[in-house]
Amino acid sequence: MPSHKSFRTKQKLARAQKQNRPIPQWIRLRTNNTIRYGDELENYGRGVEMMVTNGV
């Protein structure tokens, strides 16, 4: 990944970084623990380039 990124690429990376976090604990309490993790975490462990190319 080049160190000089376009603004569009930077936006996509920032969005992917924000989505890759655990869900708040109060949501687990409210849903009676039926939702254990956010659906964005299915991309966890993939490379950043892979997430950007998939449009996550």
N, C-alpha and C. Protein backbone atom coordinates (compact mmCIF):
# COMPACT_ATOMS: atom_id res chain seq x y z
N MET A 1 0.85 -1.18 0.00
CA MET A 1 0.00 0.00 0.00
C MET A 1 0.90 1.24 0.00
N PRO A 2 0.72 2.14 -0.94
CA PRO A 2 1.56 3.32 -0.99
C PRO A 2 1.30 4.24 0.20
N SER A 3 2.32 4.98 0.57
CA SER A 3 2.14 5.88 1.71
C SER A 3 1.29 7.09 1.33
N HIS A 4 1.27 7.46 0.06
CA HIS A 4 0.41 8.57 -0.39
C HIS A 4 -0.87 7.98 -0.95
N LYS A 5 -1.92 8.00 -0.13
CA LYS A 5 -3.19 7.42 -0.53
C LYS A 5 -4.11 8.50 -1.07
N SER A 6 -5.00 8.11 -1.95
CA SER A 6 -6.01 9.06 -2.40
C SER A 6 -7.01 9.26 -1.26
N PHE A 7 -7.76 10.34 -1.33
CA PHE A 7 -8.72 10.63 -0.26
C PHE A 7 -9.80 9.56 -0.20
N ARG A 8 -10.20 9.06 -1.35
CA ARG A 8 -11.24 8.01 -1.41
C ARG A 8 -10.76 6.74 -0.71
N THR A 9 -9.52 6.35 -0.97
CA THR A 9 -8.97 5.16 -0.32
C THR A 9 -8.88 5.37 1.18
N LYS A 10 -8.49 6.57 1.58
CA LYS A 10 -8.36 6.88 3.00
C LYS A 10 -9.73 6.80 3.70
N GLN A 11 -10.77 7.26 3.02
CA GLN A 11 -12.12 7.19 3.57
C GLN A 11 -12.55 5.74 3.76
N LYS A 12 -12.28 4.91 2.78
CA LYS A 12 -12.66 3.50 2.88
C LYS A 12 -11.93 2.81 4.02
N LEU A 13 -10.65 3.12 4.17
CA LEU A 13 -9.87 2.52 5.25
C LEU A 13 -10.39 2.96 6.61
N ALA A 14 -10.75 4.24 6.72
CA ALA A 14 -11.26 4.75 7.99
C ALA A 14 -12.58 4.09 8.34
N ARG A 15 -13.43 3.89 7.35
CA ARG A 15 -14.72 3.24 7.59
C ARG A 15 -14.52 1.80 8.04
N ALA A 16 -13.61 1.09 7.37
CA ALA A 16 -13.35 -0.30 7.73
C ALA A 16 -12.78 -0.39 9.15
N GLN A 17 -11.96 0.58 9.51
CA GLN A 17 -11.37 0.58 10.84
C GLN A 17 -12.42 0.83 11.91
N LYS A 18 -13.38 1.71 11.63
CA LYS A 18 -14.44 1.99 12.59
C LYS A 18 -15.37 0.81 12.77
N GLN A 19 -15.60 0.06 11.71
CA GLN A 19 -16.54 -1.06 11.79
C GLN A 19 -15.94 -2.26 12.52
N ASN A 20 -14.64 -2.36 12.55
CA ASN A 20 -13.99 -3.53 13.13
C ASN A 20 -13.83 -3.34 14.63
N ARG A 21 -14.94 -3.37 15.35
CA ARG A 21 -14.91 -3.25 16.80
C ARG A 21 -16.03 -4.10 17.37
N PRO A 22 -15.89 -4.52 18.62
CA PRO A 22 -16.96 -5.33 19.21
C PRO A 22 -18.22 -4.51 19.44
N ILE A 23 -19.36 -5.19 19.54
CA ILE A 23 -20.61 -4.48 19.78
C ILE A 23 -20.65 -4.04 21.24
N PRO A 24 -21.38 -2.97 21.56
CA PRO A 24 -21.48 -2.51 22.95
C PRO A 24 -22.16 -3.55 23.83
N GLN A 25 -21.78 -3.57 25.10
CA GLN A 25 -22.31 -4.57 26.03
C GLN A 25 -23.81 -4.39 26.26
N TRP A 26 -24.30 -3.14 26.19
CA TRP A 26 -25.72 -2.93 26.46
C TRP A 26 -26.58 -3.56 25.37
N ILE A 27 -26.05 -3.71 24.17
CA ILE A 27 -26.81 -4.38 23.11
C ILE A 27 -26.94 -5.87 23.43
N ARG A 28 -25.87 -6.45 23.96
CA ARG A 28 -25.93 -7.87 24.35
C ARG A 28 -26.96 -8.07 25.46
N LEU A 29 -27.03 -7.11 26.39
CA LEU A 29 -28.02 -7.22 27.46
C LEU A 29 -29.43 -7.06 26.93
N ARG A 30 -29.62 -6.09 26.02
CA ARG A 30 -30.95 -5.80 25.50
C ARG A 30 -31.50 -6.95 24.66
N THR A 31 -30.62 -7.60 23.90
CA THR A 31 -31.08 -8.68 23.01
C THR A 31 -30.97 -10.05 23.68
N ASN A 32 -30.73 -10.05 24.98
CA ASN A 32 -30.62 -11.29 25.74
C ASN A 32 -29.52 -12.19 25.19
N ASN A 33 -28.43 -11.58 24.79
CA ASN A 33 -27.21 -12.26 24.34
C ASN A 33 -27.40 -13.07 23.05
N THR A 34 -28.41 -12.73 22.24
CA THR A 34 -28.58 -13.44 20.97
C THR A 34 -27.64 -12.90 19.91
N ILE A 35 -27.26 -11.63 20.03
CA ILE A 35 -26.28 -11.04 19.12
C ILE A 35 -24.96 -10.99 19.87
N ARG A 36 -23.99 -11.77 19.45
CA ARG A 36 -22.73 -11.84 20.19
C ARG A 36 -21.62 -11.02 19.56
N TYR A 37 -21.69 -10.78 18.27
CA TYR A 37 -20.66 -9.97 17.62
C TYR A 37 -21.28 -9.28 16.43
N GLY A 38 -20.65 -8.18 16.02
CA GLY A 38 -21.15 -7.42 14.89
C GLY A 38 -20.90 -8.15 13.58
N ASP A 39 -21.77 -7.95 12.62
CA ASP A 39 -21.62 -8.65 11.35
C ASP A 39 -20.42 -8.14 10.55
N GLU A 40 -19.90 -6.96 10.90
CA GLU A 40 -18.71 -6.48 10.21
C GLU A 40 -17.46 -7.27 10.59
N LEU A 41 -17.52 -7.96 11.72
CA LEU A 41 -16.35 -8.70 12.18
C LEU A 41 -16.11 -9.97 11.38
N GLU A 42 -16.97 -10.27 10.41
CA GLU A 42 -16.70 -11.44 9.57
C GLU A 42 -15.46 -11.22 8.73
N ASN A 43 -15.04 -9.98 8.56
CA ASN A 43 -13.84 -9.67 7.81
C ASN A 43 -12.62 -9.57 8.72
N TYR A 44 -12.75 -9.95 9.99
CA TYR A 44 -11.66 -9.84 10.93
C TYR A 44 -10.50 -10.73 10.49
N GLY A 45 -9.29 -10.20 10.54
CA GLY A 45 -8.10 -10.96 10.21
C GLY A 45 -7.73 -10.88 8.75
N ARG A 46 -8.58 -10.33 7.92
CA ARG A 46 -8.23 -10.16 6.52
C ARG A 46 -7.34 -8.94 6.39
N GLY A 47 -6.60 -8.90 5.32
CA GLY A 47 -5.76 -7.75 5.08
C GLY A 47 -6.59 -6.53 4.74
N VAL A 48 -6.03 -5.36 4.97
CA VAL A 48 -6.74 -4.11 4.70
C VAL A 48 -7.08 -4.00 3.22
N GLU A 49 -6.16 -4.42 2.36
CA GLU A 49 -6.40 -4.33 0.92
C GLU A 49 -7.60 -5.19 0.53
N MET A 50 -7.73 -6.33 1.17
CA MET A 50 -8.85 -7.22 0.86
C MET A 50 -10.17 -6.58 1.24
N MET A 51 -10.20 -5.88 2.38
CA MET A 51 -11.42 -5.24 2.82
C MET A 51 -11.79 -4.09 1.89
N VAL A 52 -10.79 -3.37 1.41
CA VAL A 52 -11.06 -2.24 0.53
C VAL A 52 -11.58 -2.74 -0.81
N THR A 53 -11.00 -3.80 -1.33
CA THR A 53 -11.43 -4.30 -2.63
C THR A 53 -12.82 -4.92 -2.55
N ASN A 54 -13.19 -5.45 -1.38
CA ASN A 54 -14.53 -6.02 -1.23
C ASN A 54 -15.58 -4.96 -0.95
N GLY A 55 -15.16 -3.73 -0.74
CA GLY A 55 -16.11 -2.65 -0.51
C GLY A 55 -16.69 -2.64 0.89
N VAL A 56 -15.94 -3.15 1.85
CA VAL A 56 -16.44 -3.16 3.23
C VAL A 56 -16.23 -1.80 3.83
